[in-house]
PDB file of N, CA and C in Angstrom:
ATOM      1  N   UNK A   1    -103.782  85.767  31.006  1.00  0.00           N
ATOM      2  CA  UNK A   1    -104.430  84.885  31.974  1.00  0.00           C
ATOM      3  C   UNK A   1    -103.735  83.515  31.905  1.00  0.00           C
ATOM      4  N   UNK A   2    -103.278  83.068  33.004  1.00  0.00           N
ATOM      5  CA  UNK A   2    -102.536  81.808  33.019  1.00  0.00           C
ATOM      6  C   UNK A   2    -103.414  80.626  33.381  1.00  0.00           C
ATOM      7  N   UNK A   3    -104.632  80.875  33.836  1.00  0.00           N
ATOM      8  CA  UNK A   3    -105.507  79.789  34.278  1.00  0.00           C
ATOM      9  C   UNK A   3    -106.395  79.212  33.175  1.00  0.00           C
ATOM     10  N   UNK A   4    -106.273  79.701  31.936  1.00  0.00           N
ATOM     11  CA  UNK A   4    -107.226  79.237  30.933  1.00  0.00           C
ATOM     12  C   UNK A   4    -107.174  77.733  30.660  1.00  0.00           C
ATOM     13  N   UNK A   5    -106.034  77.038  30.801  1.00  0.00           N
ATOM     14  CA  UNK A   5    -106.102  75.575  30.661  1.00  0.00           C
ATOM     15  C   UNK A   5    -107.007  74.930  31.717  1.00  0.00           C
ATOM     16  N   UNK A   6    -107.053  75.542  32.906  1.00  0.00           N
ATOM     17  CA  UNK A   6    -107.920  75.053  33.973  1.00  0.00           C
ATOM     18  C   UNK A   6    -109.388  75.198  33.555  1.00  0.00           C
ATOM     19  N   UNK A   7    -109.726  76.357  32.945  1.00  0.00           N
ATOM     20  CA  UNK A   7    -111.097  76.574  32.478  1.00  0.00           C
ATOM     21  C   UNK A   7    -111.488  75.536  31.437  1.00  0.00           C
ATOM     22  N   UNK A   8    -110.589  75.278  30.511  1.00  0.00           N
ATOM     23  CA  UNK A   8    -110.871  74.276  29.477  1.00  0.00           C
ATOM     24  C   UNK A   8    -111.088  72.899  30.100  1.00  0.00           C
ATOM     25  N   UNK A   9    -110.314  72.586  31.105  1.00  0.00           N
ATOM     26  CA  UNK A   9    -110.492  71.311  31.803  1.00  0.00           C
ATOM     27  C   UNK A   9    -111.842  71.216  32.477  1.00  0.00           C
ATOM     28  N   UNK A  10    -112.277  72.291  33.111  1.00  0.00           N
ATOM     29  CA  UNK A  10    -113.596  72.303  33.753  1.00  0.00           C
ATOM     30  C   UNK A  10    -114.706  72.118  32.718  1.00  0.00           C
ATOM     31  N   UNK A  11    -114.573  72.830  31.607  1.00  0.00           N
ATOM     32  CA  UNK A  11    -115.587  72.727  30.547  1.00  0.00           C
ATOM     33  C   UNK A  11    -115.672  71.294  30.040  1.00  0.00           C
ATOM     34  N   UNK A  12    -114.550  70.694  29.744  1.00  0.00           N
ATOM     35  CA  UNK A  12    -114.543  69.321  29.225  1.00  0.00           C
ATOM     36  C   UNK A  12    -115.115  68.338  30.244  1.00  0.00           C
ATOM     37  N   UNK A  13    -114.796  68.551  31.518  1.00  0.00           N
ATOM     38  CA  UNK A  13    -115.337  67.676  32.563  1.00  0.00           C
ATOM     39  C   UNK A  13    -116.857  67.787  32.618  1.00  0.00           C
ATOM     40  N   UNK A  14    -117.369  69.010  32.618  1.00  0.00           N
ATOM     41  CA  UNK A  14    -118.821  69.206  32.670  1.00  0.00           C
ATOM     42  C   UNK A  14    -119.478  68.618  31.426  1.00  0.00           C
ATOM     43  N   UNK A  15    -118.856  68.789  30.262  1.00  0.00           N
ATOM     44  CA  UNK A  15    -119.427  68.252  29.025  1.00  0.00           C
ATOM     45  C   UNK A  15    -119.561  66.730  29.065  1.00  0.00           C
ATOM     46  N   UNK A  16    -118.655  66.061  29.750  1.00  0.00           N
ATOM     47  CA  UNK A  16    -118.747  64.599  29.835  1.00  0.00           C
ATOM     48  C   UNK A  16    -119.818  64.141  30.825  1.00  0.00           C
ATOM     49  N   UNK A  17    -120.259  65.062  31.695  1.00  0.00           N
ATOM     50  CA  UNK A  17    -121.210  64.698  32.747  1.00  0.00           C
ATOM     51  C   UNK A  17    -122.624  65.218  32.514  1.00  0.00           C
ATOM     52  N   UNK A  18    -122.850  65.849  31.365  1.00  0.00           N
ATOM     53  CA  UNK A  18    -124.182  66.393  31.086  1.00  0.00           C
ATOM     54  C   UNK A  18    -124.485  66.281  29.599  1.00  0.00           C
ATOM     55  N   UNK A  19    -125.756  66.380  29.264  1.00  0.00           N
ATOM     56  CA  UNK A  19    -126.180  66.339  27.871  1.00  0.00           C
ATOM     57  C   UNK A  19    -126.594  67.715  27.360  1.00  0.00           C
ATOM     58  N   UNK A  20    -126.452  68.745  28.198  1.00  0.00           N
ATOM     59  CA  UNK A  20    -126.837  70.102  27.788  1.00  0.00           C
ATOM     60  C   UNK A  20    -125.604  70.872  27.318  1.00  0.00           C
ATOM     61  N   UNK A  21    -125.813  71.879  26.484  1.00  0.00           N
ATOM     62  CA  UNK A  21    -124.673  72.696  26.032  1.00  0.00           C
ATOM     63  C   UNK A  21    -123.975  73.371  27.213  1.00  0.00           C
ATOM     64  N   UNK A  22    -122.667  73.524  27.083  1.00  0.00           N
ATOM     65  CA  UNK A  22    -121.847  74.097  28.148  1.00  0.00           C
ATOM     66  C   UNK A  22    -121.188  75.372  27.634  1.00  0.00           C
ATOM     67  N   UNK A  23    -121.186  76.391  28.483  1.00  0.00           N
ATOM     68  CA  UNK A  23    -120.594  77.676  28.108  1.00  0.00           C
ATOM     69  C   UNK A  23    -119.937  78.331  29.305  1.00  0.00           C
ATOM     70  N   UNK A  24    -119.252  79.422  29.051  1.00  0.00           N
ATOM     71  CA  UNK A  24    -118.750  80.335  30.069  1.00  0.00           C
ATOM     72  C   UNK A  24    -119.249  81.720  29.698  1.00  0.00           C
ATOM     73  N   UNK A  25    -119.499  82.541  30.686  1.00  0.00           N
ATOM     74  CA  UNK A  25    -119.979  83.897  30.448  1.00  0.00           C
ATOM     75  C   UNK A  25    -118.934  84.887  30.939  1.00  0.00           C
ATOM     76  N   UNK A  26    -118.631  85.874  30.088  1.00  0.00           N
ATOM     77  CA  UNK A  26    -117.681  86.896  30.507  1.00  0.00           C
ATOM     78  C   UNK A  26    -117.847  88.151  29.660  1.00  0.00           C
ATOM     79  N   UNK A  27    -117.163  89.190  30.089  1.00  0.00           N
ATOM     80  CA  UNK A  27    -117.171  90.484  29.425  1.00  0.00           C
ATOM     81  C   UNK A  27    -116.477  90.394  28.066  1.00  0.00           C
ATOM     82  N   UNK A  28    -116.849  91.321  27.171  1.00  0.00           N
ATOM     83  CA  UNK A  28    -116.226  91.356  25.842  1.00  0.00           C
ATOM     84  C   UNK A  28    -114.712  91.460  25.955  1.00  0.00           C
ATOM     85  N   UNK A  29    -114.221  92.098  27.019  1.00  0.00           N
ATOM     86  CA  UNK A  29    -112.785  92.282  27.174  1.00  0.00           C
ATOM     87  C   UNK A  29    -112.064  90.993  27.588  1.00  0.00           C
ATOM     88  N   UNK A  30    -112.803  89.943  27.809  1.00  0.00           N
ATOM     89  CA  UNK A  30    -112.253  88.592  27.973  1.00  0.00           C
ATOM     90  C   UNK A  30    -112.210  87.904  26.614  1.00  0.00           C
ATOM     91  N   UNK A  31    -113.339  88.007  25.882  1.00  0.00           N
ATOM     92  CA  UNK A  31    -113.472  87.284  24.609  1.00  0.00           C
ATOM     93  C   UNK A  31    -112.665  87.898  23.472  1.00  0.00           C
ATOM     94  N   UNK A  32    -112.150  89.117  23.637  1.00  0.00           N
ATOM     95  CA  UNK A  32    -111.379  89.730  22.555  1.00  0.00           C
ATOM     96  C   UNK A  32    -109.874  89.501  22.689  1.00  0.00           C
ATOM     97  N   UNK A  33    -109.470  88.687  23.629  1.00  0.00           N
ATOM     98  CA  UNK A  33    -108.056  88.386  23.832  1.00  0.00           C
ATOM     99  C   UNK A  33    -107.653  87.127  23.042  1.00  0.00           C
ATOM    100  N   UNK A  34    -106.410  87.067  22.570  1.00  0.00           N
ATOM    101  CA  UNK A  34    -105.973  85.894  21.779  1.00  0.00           C
ATOM    102  C   UNK A  34    -106.146  84.562  22.511  1.00  0.00           C
ATOM    103  N   UNK A  35    -105.878  84.548  23.806  1.00  0.00           N
ATOM    104  CA  UNK A  35    -105.986  83.291  24.540  1.00  0.00           C
ATOM    105  C   UNK A  35    -107.424  82.827  24.713  1.00  0.00           C
ATOM    106  N   UNK A  36    -108.405  83.677  24.418  1.00  0.00           N
ATOM    107  CA  UNK A  36    -109.800  83.238  24.520  1.00  0.00           C
ATOM    108  C   UNK A  36    -110.164  82.227  23.438  1.00  0.00           C
ATOM    109  N   UNK A  37    -109.350  82.159  22.383  1.00  0.00           N
ATOM    110  CA  UNK A  37    -109.625  81.223  21.286  1.00  0.00           C
ATOM    111  C   UNK A  37    -109.704  79.780  21.780  1.00  0.00           C
ATOM    112  N   UNK A  38    -108.737  79.375  22.571  1.00  0.00           N
ATOM    113  CA  UNK A  38    -108.714  77.990  23.059  1.00  0.00           C
ATOM    114  C   UNK A  38    -109.917  77.699  23.960  1.00  0.00           C
ATOM    115  N   UNK A  39    -110.259  78.646  24.801  1.00  0.00           N
ATOM    116  CA  UNK A  39    -111.419  78.470  25.668  1.00  0.00           C
ATOM    117  C   UNK A  39    -112.690  78.384  24.829  1.00  0.00           C
ATOM    118  N   UNK A  40    -112.837  79.303  23.882  1.00  0.00           N
ATOM    119  CA  UNK A  40    -114.036  79.322  23.036  1.00  0.00           C
ATOM    120  C   UNK A  40    -114.202  78.025  22.268  1.00  0.00           C
ATOM    121  N   UNK A  41    -113.118  77.474  21.783  1.00  0.00           N
ATOM    122  CA  UNK A  41    -113.212  76.228  21.019  1.00  0.00           C
ATOM    123  C   UNK A  41    -113.729  75.069  21.868  1.00  0.00           C
ATOM    124  N   UNK A  42    -113.491  75.120  23.157  1.00  0.00           N
ATOM    125  CA  UNK A  42    -113.970  74.054  24.048  1.00  0.00           C
ATOM    126  C   UNK A  42    -115.461  74.191  24.357  1.00  0.00           C
ATOM    127  N   UNK A  43    -116.021  75.376  24.145  1.00  0.00           N
ATOM    128  CA  UNK A  43    -117.412  75.648  24.518  1.00  0.00           C
ATOM    129  C   UNK A  43    -118.394  75.274  23.418  1.00  0.00           C
ATOM    130  N   UNK A  44    -119.644  75.087  23.815  1.00  0.00           N
ATOM    131  CA  UNK A  44    -120.697  74.873  22.842  1.00  0.00           C
ATOM    132  C   UNK A  44    -121.186  76.193  22.258  1.00  0.00           C
ATOM    133  N   UNK A  45    -121.113  77.260  23.024  1.00  0.00           N
ATOM    134  CA  UNK A  45    -121.429  78.609  22.572  1.00  0.00           C
ATOM    135  C   UNK A  45    -120.824  79.600  23.562  1.00  0.00           C
ATOM    136  N   UNK A  46    -120.816  80.881  23.208  1.00  0.00           N
ATOM    137  CA  UNK A  46    -120.215  81.924  24.041  1.00  0.00           C
ATOM    138  C   UNK A  46    -121.312  82.825  24.598  1.00  0.00           C
ATOM    139  N   UNK A  47    -121.212  83.141  25.892  1.00  0.00           N
ATOM    140  CA  UNK A  47    -122.096  84.138  26.497  1.00  0.00           C
ATOM    141  C   UNK A  47    -121.271  85.411  26.704  1.00  0.00           C
ATOM    142  N   UNK A  48    -121.748  86.483  26.095  1.00  0.00           N
ATOM    143  CA  UNK A  48    -121.048  87.765  26.061  1.00  0.00           C
ATOM    144  C   UNK A  48    -121.746  88.785  26.947  1.00  0.00           C
ATOM    145  N   UNK A  49    -120.974  89.489  27.758  1.00  0.00           N
ATOM    146  CA  UNK A  49    -121.482  90.622  28.528  1.00  0.00           C
ATOM    147  C   UNK A  49    -120.924  91.898  27.884  1.00  0.00           C
ATOM    148  N   UNK A  50    -121.797  92.861  27.647  1.00  0.00           N
ATOM    149  CA  UNK A  50    -121.360  94.110  27.016  1.00  0.00           C
ATOM    150  C   UNK A  50    -122.174  95.270  27.577  1.00  0.00           C
ATOM    151  N   UNK A  51    -121.551  96.046  28.423  1.00  0.00           N
ATOM    152  CA  UNK A  51    -122.199  97.207  29.042  1.00  0.00           C
ATOM    153  C   UNK A  51    -121.581  98.482  28.479  1.00  0.00           C
ATOM    154  N   UNK A  52    -122.310  99.150  27.618  1.00  0.00           N
ATOM    155  CA  UNK A  52    -121.810 100.390  27.015  1.00  0.00           C
ATOM    156  C   UNK A  52    -121.521 101.450  28.073  1.00  0.00           C
ATOM    157  N   UNK A  53    -122.419 101.568  29.026  1.00  0.00           N
ATOM    158  CA  UNK A  53    -122.284 102.610  30.044  1.00  0.00           C
ATOM    159  C   UNK A  53    -120.975 102.487  30.820  1.00  0.00           C
ATOM    160  N   UNK A  54    -120.581 101.264  31.153  1.00  0.00           N
ATOM    161  CA  UNK A  54    -119.360 101.042  31.933  1.00  0.00           C
ATOM    162  C   UNK A  54    -118.118 101.061  31.058  1.00  0.00           C
ATOM    163  N   UNK A  55    -118.315 101.342  29.763  1.00  0.00           N
ATOM    164  CA  UNK A  55    -117.192 101.435  28.837  1.00  0.00           C
ATOM    165  C   UNK A  55    -117.140 102.812  28.192  1.00  0.00           C
ATOM    166  N   UNK A  56    -117.503 103.802  28.983  1.00  0.00           N
ATOM    167  CA  UNK A  56    -117.375 105.216  28.612  1.00  0.00           C
ATOM    168  C   UNK A  56    -118.116 105.578  27.331  1.00  0.00           C
ATOM    169  N   UNK A  57    -119.306 105.007  27.172  1.00  0.00           N
ATOM    170  CA  UNK A  57    -120.139 105.331  26.019  1.00  0.00           C
ATOM    171  C   UNK A  57    -121.295 106.228  26.460  1.00  0.00           C
ATOM    172  N   UNK A  58    -121.690 107.115  25.578  1.00  0.00           N
ATOM    173  CA  UNK A  58    -122.875 107.926  25.835  1.00  0.00           C
ATOM    174  C   UNK A  58    -124.109 107.091  25.538  1.00  0.00           C
ATOM    175  N   UNK A  59    -125.232 107.526  26.024  1.00  0.00           N
ATOM    176  CA  UNK A  59    -126.485 106.834  25.747  1.00  0.00           C
ATOM    177  C   UNK A  59    -126.758 106.780  24.245  1.00  0.00           C
ATOM    178  N   UNK A  60    -126.447 107.856  23.542  1.00  0.00           N
ATOM    179  CA  UNK A  60    -126.672 107.905  22.098  1.00  0.00           C
ATOM    180  C   UNK A  60    -125.828 106.877  21.349  1.00  0.00           C
ATOM    181  N   UNK A  61    -124.674 106.542  21.892  1.00  0.00           N
ATOM    182  CA  UNK A  61    -123.785 105.588  21.234  1.00  0.00           C
ATOM    183  C   UNK A  61    -123.896 104.181  21.810  1.00  0.00           C
ATOM    184  N   UNK A  62    -124.743 103.981  22.799  1.00  0.00           N
ATOM    185  CA  UNK A  62    -124.803 102.704  23.510  1.00  0.00           C
ATOM    186  C   UNK A  62    -125.178 101.537  22.600  1.00  0.00           C
ATOM    187  N   UNK A  63    -126.239 101.683  21.851  1.00  0.00           N
ATOM    188  CA  UNK A  63    -126.658 100.572  20.999  1.00  0.00           C
ATOM    189  C   UNK A  63    -125.664 100.311  19.865  1.00  0.00           C
ATOM    190  N   UNK A  64    -125.190 101.340  19.150  1.00  0.00           N
ATOM    191  CA  UNK A  64    -124.159 101.062  18.133  1.00  0.00           C
ATOM    192  C   UNK A  64    -122.910 100.407  18.722  1.00  0.00           C
ATOM    193  N   UNK A  65    -122.483 100.845  19.916  1.00  0.00           N
ATOM    194  CA  UNK A  65    -121.319 100.237  20.556  1.00  0.00           C
ATOM    195  C   UNK A  65    -121.596  98.771  20.890  1.00  0.00           C
ATOM    196  N   UNK A  66    -122.779  98.491  21.414  1.00  0.00           N
ATOM    197  CA  UNK A  66    -123.135  97.117  21.773  1.00  0.00           C
ATOM    198  C   UNK A  66    -123.177  96.232  20.531  1.00  0.00           C
ATOM    199  N   UNK A  67    -123.768  96.720  19.471  1.00  0.00           N
ATOM    200  CA  UNK A  67    -123.825  95.955  18.217  1.00  0.00           C
ATOM    201  C   UNK A  67    -122.422  95.695  17.668  1.00  0.00           C
ATOM    202  N   UNK A  68    -121.577  96.731  17.665  1.00  0.00           N
ATOM    203  CA  UNK A  68    -120.209  96.569  17.172  1.00  0.00           C
ATOM    204  C   UNK A  68    -119.443  95.565  18.023  1.00  0.00           C
ATOM    205  N   UNK A  69    -119.606  95.662  19.333  1.00  0.00           N
ATOM    206  CA  UNK A  69    -118.926  94.728  20.229  1.00  0.00           C
ATOM    207  C   UNK A  69    -119.353  93.302  19.939  1.00  0.00           C
ATOM    208  N   UNK A  70    -120.656  93.077  19.768  1.00  0.00           N
ATOM    209  CA  UNK A  70    -121.172  91.750  19.423  1.00  0.00           C
ATOM    210  C   UNK A  70    -120.535  91.255  18.124  1.00  0.00           C
ATOM    211  N   UNK A  71    -120.547  92.096  17.093  1.00  0.00           N
ATOM    212  CA  UNK A  71    -119.995  91.689  15.793  1.00  0.00           C
ATOM    213  C   UNK A  71    -118.482  91.468  15.861  1.00  0.00           C
ATOM    214  N   UNK A  72    -117.785  92.269  16.652  1.00  0.00           N
ATOM    215  CA  UNK A  72    -116.340  92.065  16.823  1.00  0.00           C
ATOM    216  C   UNK A  72    -116.042  90.700  17.432  1.00  0.00           C
ATOM    217  N   UNK A  73    -116.807  90.320  18.441  1.00  0.00           N
ATOM    218  CA  UNK A  73    -116.590  89.020  19.085  1.00  0.00           C
ATOM    219  C   UNK A  73    -116.991  87.894  18.134  1.00  0.00           C
ATOM    220  N   UNK A  74    -118.063  88.087  17.369  1.00  0.00           N
ATOM    221  CA  UNK A  74    -118.468  87.076  16.383  1.00  0.00           C
ATOM    222  C   UNK A  74    -117.373  86.892  15.330  1.00  0.00           C
ATOM    223  N   UNK A  75    -116.732  87.972  14.927  1.00  0.00           N
ATOM    224  CA  UNK A  75    -115.641  87.893  13.953  1.00  0.00           C
ATOM    225  C   UNK A  75    -114.446  87.138  14.531  1.00  0.00           C
ATOM    226  N   UNK A  76    -114.164  87.352  15.807  1.00  0.00           N
ATOM    227  CA  UNK A  76    -113.038  86.664  16.448  1.00  0.00           C
ATOM    228  C   UNK A  76    -113.320  85.177  16.687  1.00  0.00           C
ATOM    229  N   UNK A  77    -114.598  84.815  16.786  1.00  0.00           N
ATOM    230  CA  UNK A  77    -114.997  83.429  17.064  1.00  0.00           C
ATOM    231  C   UNK A  77    -116.090  83.008  16.066  1.00  0.00           C
ATOM    232  N   UNK A  78    -115.750  82.947  14.779  1.00  0.00           N
ATOM    233  CA  UNK A  78    -116.770  82.740  13.744  1.00  0.00           C
ATOM    234  C   UNK A  78    -117.497  81.400  13.803  1.00  0.00           C
ATOM    235  N   UNK A  79    -116.919  80.421  14.436  1.00  0.00           N
ATOM    236  CA  UNK A  79    -117.574  79.107  14.484  1.00  0.00           C
ATOM    237  C   UNK A  79    -118.495  78.955  15.696  1.00  0.00           C
ATOM    238  N   UNK A  80    -118.612  80.000  16.501  1.00  0.00           N
ATOM    239  CA  UNK A  80    -119.398  79.909  17.733  1.00  0.00           C
ATOM    240  C   UNK A  80    -120.629  80.812  17.683  1.00  0.00           C
ATOM    241  N   UNK A  81    -121.716  80.311  18.236  1.00  0.00           N
ATOM    242  CA  UNK A  81    -122.886  81.149  18.453  1.00  0.00           C
ATOM    243  C   UNK A  81    -122.563  82.081  19.622  1.00  0.00           C
ATOM    244  N   UNK A  82    -122.905  83.362  19.465  1.00  0.00           N
ATOM    245  CA  UNK A  82    -122.686  84.343  20.518  1.00  0.00           C
ATOM    246  C   UNK A  82    -124.051  84.717  21.093  1.00  0.00           C
ATOM    247  N   UNK A  83    -124.194  84.601  22.395  1.00  0.00           N
ATOM    248  CA  UNK A  83    -125.418  84.968  23.093  1.00  0.00           C
ATOM    249  C   UNK A  83    -125.098  86.129  24.023  1.00  0.00           C
ATOM    250  N   UNK A  84    -125.869  87.205  23.932  1.00  0.00           N
ATOM    251  CA  UNK A  84    -125.671  88.322  24.849  1.00  0.00           C
ATOM    252  C   UNK A  84    -126.310  87.935  26.177  1.00  0.00           C
ATOM    253  N   UNK A  85    -125.480  87.799  27.185  1.00  0.00           N
ATOM    254  CA  UNK A  85    -125.957  87.401  28.498  1.00  0.00           C
ATOM    255  C   UNK A  85    -126.307  88.592  29.374  1.00  0.00           C
ATOM    256  N   UNK A  86    -125.473  89.627  29.323  1.00  0.00           N
ATOM    257  CA  UNK A  86    -125.719  90.820  30.112  1.00  0.00           C
ATOM    258  C   UNK A  86    -125.442  92.040  29.256  1.00  0.00           C
ATOM    259  N   UNK A  87    -126.349  92.979  29.341  1.00  0.00           N
ATOM    260  CA  UNK A  87    -126.214  94.272  28.690  1.00  0.00           C
ATOM    261  C   UNK A  87    -127.199  95.197  29.380  1.00  0.00           C
ATOM    262  N   UNK A  88    -127.217  96.447  29.024  1.00  0.00           N
ATOM    263  CA  UNK A  88    -128.193  97.335  29.619  1.00  0.00           C
ATOM    264  C   UNK A  88    -127.621  98.673  29.984  1.00  0.00           C
ATOM    265  N   UNK A  89    -128.385  99.406  30.765  1.00  0.00           N
ATOM    266  CA  UNK A  89    -128.017 100.756  31.194  1.00  0.00           C
ATOM    267  C   UNK A  89    -128.416 100.905  32.652  1.00  0.00           C
ATOM    268  N   UNK A  90    -127.502 101.341  33.476  1.00  0.00           N
ATOM    269  CA  UNK A  90    -127.746 101.432  34.922  1.00  0.00           C
ATOM    270  C   UNK A  90    -128.667 102.594  35.276  1.00  0.00           C
ATOM    271  N   UNK A  91    -129.412 102.405  36.364  1.00  0.00           N
ATOM    272  CA  UNK A  91    -130.292 103.471  36.863  1.00  0.00           C
ATOM    273  C   UNK A  91    -129.592 104.355  37.887  1.00  0.00           C
ATOM    274  N   UNK A  92    -128.484 103.869  38.433  1.00  0.00           N
ATOM    275  CA  UNK A  92    -127.702 104.674  39.367  1.00  0.00           C
ATOM    276  C   UNK A  92    -126.255 104.190  39.306  1.00  0.00           C
ATOM    277  N   UNK A  93    -125.362 104.980  39.840  1.00  0.00           N
ATOM    278  CA  UNK A  93    -123.941 104.639  39.803  1.00  0.00           C
ATOM    279  C   UNK A  93    -123.372 104.683  41.216  1.00  0.00           C
ATOM    280  N   UNK A  94    -122.592 103.688  41.543  1.00  0.00           N
ATOM    281  CA  UNK A  94    -121.890 103.667  42.824  1.00  0.00           C
ATOM    282  C   UNK A  94    -120.685 104.595  42.701  1.00  0.00           C
ATOM    283  N   UNK A  95    -120.559 105.507  43.624  1.00  0.00           N
ATOM    284  CA  UNK A  95    -119.471 106.480  43.525  1.00  0.00           C
ATOM    285  C   UNK A  95    -118.357 106.231  44.530  1.00  0.00           C
ATOM    286  N   UNK A  96    -118.341 105.070  45.135  1.00  0.00           N
ATOM    287  CA  UNK A  96    -117.346 104.818  46.172  1.00  0.00           C
ATOM    288  C   UNK A  96    -116.258 103.836  45.757  1.00  0.00           C
ATOM    289  N   UNK A  97    -116.352 103.255  44.553  1.00  0.00           N
ATOM    290  CA  UNK A  97    -115.353 102.246  44.190  1.00  0.00           C
ATOM    291  C   UNK A  97    -114.428 102.679  43.060  1.00  0.00           C
ATOM    292  N   UNK A  98    -114.579 103.882  42.556  1.00  0.00           N
ATOM    293  CA  UNK A  98    -113.699 104.371  41.505  1.00  0.00           C
ATOM    294  C   UNK A  98    -114.206 104.136  40.103  1.00  0.00           C
ATOM    295  N   UNK A  99    -115.166 103.227  39.929  1.00  0.00           N
ATOM    296  CA  UNK A  99    -115.678 102.925  38.589  1.00  0.00           C
ATOM    297  C   UNK A  99    -116.510 104.054  37.996  1.00  0.00           C
ATOM    298  N   UNK A 100    -116.942 104.975  38.832  1.00  0.00           N
ATOM    299  CA  UNK A 100    -117.775 106.065  38.321  1.00  0.00           C
ATOM    300  C   UNK A 100    -117.031 106.905  37.289  1.00  0.00           C
ATOM    301  N   UNK A 101    -115.713 106.864  37.295  1.00  0.00           N
ATOM    302  CA  UNK A 101    -114.952 107.628  36.301  1.00  0.00           C
ATOM    303  C   UNK A 101    -115.155 107.085  34.892  1.00  0.00           C
ATOM    304  N   UNK A 102    -115.640 105.854  34.777  1.00  0.00           N
ATOM    305  CA  UNK A 102    -115.898 105.257  33.469  1.00  0.00           C
ATOM    306  C   UNK A 102    -117.205 105.746  32.856  1.00  0.00           C
ATOM    307  N   UNK A 103    -118.074 106.300  33.664  1.00  0.00           N
ATOM    308  CA  UNK A 103    -119.406 106.680  33.202  1.00  0.00           C
ATOM    309  C   UNK A 103    -119.394 108.111  32.696  1.00  0.00           C
ATOM    310  N   UNK A 104    -119.764 108.271  31.426  1.00  0.00           N
ATOM    311  CA  UNK A 104    -119.896 109.622  30.886  1.00  0.00           C
ATOM    312  C   UNK A 104    -121.354 109.913  30.539  1.00  0.00           C
ATOM    313  N   UNK A 105    -122.216 108.916  30.660  1.00  0.00           N
ATOM    314  CA  UNK A 105    -123.641 109.088  30.398  1.00  0.00           C
ATOM    315  C   UNK A 105    -124.419 109.183  31.693  1.00  0.00           C
ATOM    316  N   UNK A 106    -125.655 109.575  31.566  1.00  0.00           N
ATOM    317  CA  UNK A 106    -126.543 109.713  32.716  1.00  0.00           C
ATOM    318  C   UNK A 106    -127.008 108.342  33.208  1.00  0.00           C
ATOM    319  N   UNK A 107    -126.874 108.094  34.487  1.00  0.00           N
ATOM    320  CA  UNK A 107    -127.404 106.877  35.102  1.00  0.00           C
ATOM    321  C   UNK A 107    -128.755 107.222  35.700  1.00  0.00           C
ATOM    322  N   UNK A 108    -129.829 106.747  35.065  1.00  0.00           N
ATOM    323  CA  UNK A 108    -131.168 107.071  35.545  1.00  0.00           C
ATOM    324  C   UNK A 108    -132.178 106.095  34.949  1.00  0.00           C
ATOM    325  N   UNK A 109    -133.349 106.050  35.540  1.00  0.00           N
ATOM    326  CA  UNK A 109    -134.412 105.199  35.007  1.00  0.00           C
ATOM    327  C   UNK A 109    -134.850 105.668  33.626  1.00  0.00           C
ATOM    328  N   UNK A 110    -134.890 106.967  33.399  1.00  0.00           N
ATOM    329  CA  UNK A 110    -135.306 107.457  32.087  1.00  0.00           C
ATOM    330  C   UNK A 110    -134.270 107.096  31.017  1.00  0.00           C
ATOM    331  N   UNK A 111    -132.990 107.156  31.349  1.00  0.00           N
ATOM    332  CA  UNK A 111    -131.946 106.753  30.401  1.00  0.00           C
ATOM    333  C   UNK A 111    -132.013 105.246  30.143  1.00  0.00           C
ATOM    334  N   UNK A 112    -132.272 104.486  31.202  1.00  0.00           N
ATOM    335  CA  UNK A 112    -132.404 103.042  31.025  1.00  0.00           C
ATOM    336  C   UNK A 112    -133.566 102.711  30.098  1.00  0.00           C
ATOM    337  N   UNK A 113    -134.668 103.430  30.227  1.00  0.00           N
ATOM    338  CA  UNK A 113    -135.826 103.200  29.356  1.00  0.00           C
ATOM    339  C   UNK A 113    -135.474 103.496  27.901  1.00  0.00           C
ATOM    340  N   UNK A 114    -134.713 104.550  27.651  1.00  0.00           N
ATOM    341  CA  UNK A 114    -134.281 104.863  26.283  1.00  0.00           C
ATOM    342  C   UNK A 114    -133.469 103.696  25.727  1.00  0.00           C
ATOM    343  N   UNK A 115    -132.512 103.207  26.511  1.00  0.00           N
ATOM    344  CA  UNK A 115    -131.690 102.071  26.063  1.00  0.00           C
ATOM    345  C   UNK A 115    -132.573 100.852  25.788  1.00  0.00           C
ATOM    346  N   UNK A 116    -133.444 100.539  26.724  1.00  0.00           N
ATOM    347  CA  UNK A 116    -134.317  99.373  26.602  1.00  0.00           C
ATOM    348  C   UNK A 116    -135.208  99.485  25.365  1.00  0.00           C
ATOM    349  N   UNK A 117    -135.812 100.638  25.147  1.00  0.00           N
ATOM    350  CA  UNK A 117    -136.706 100.822  24.007  1.00  0.00           C
ATOM    351  C   UNK A 117    -135.961 100.702  22.682  1.00  0.00           C
ATOM    352  N   UNK A 118    -134.709 101.173  22.644  1.00  0.00           N
ATOM    353  CA  UNK A 118    -133.903 101.079  21.434  1.00  0.00           C
ATOM    354  C   UNK A 118    -133.422  99.663  21.185  1.00  0.00           C
ATOM    355  N   UNK A 119    -133.120  98.960  22.264  1.00  0.00           N
ATOM    356  CA  UNK A 119    -132.552  97.608  22.177  1.00  0.00           C
ATOM    357  C   UNK A 119    -133.566  96.681  21.550  1.00  0.00           C
TER     358      UNK A 119
END
């Protein structure tokens, strides 16, 4: 990603204009890259998105995968608080954009309830 200096500039600008903590929210596959270090250092904390279902995980492995992903990002950014911003299990899958090939688990309300109850 070549725009990360721009992100850091935006963060610093917002930090000078507010008294509240400033963050960026993105998928784990953003925060696990080497260049995310500079962005993370500019933030007050990190907001992590981690969707097991969209990362080819079964429902049975969803919570362990989510926990591991959280801990992996915490290890990569040990000085930052990590907040899970988005996670969960879908009740249906869109089959027209190609992303359905990533899903190996059942997309349903009953599966979502299992994930929610375990979480």
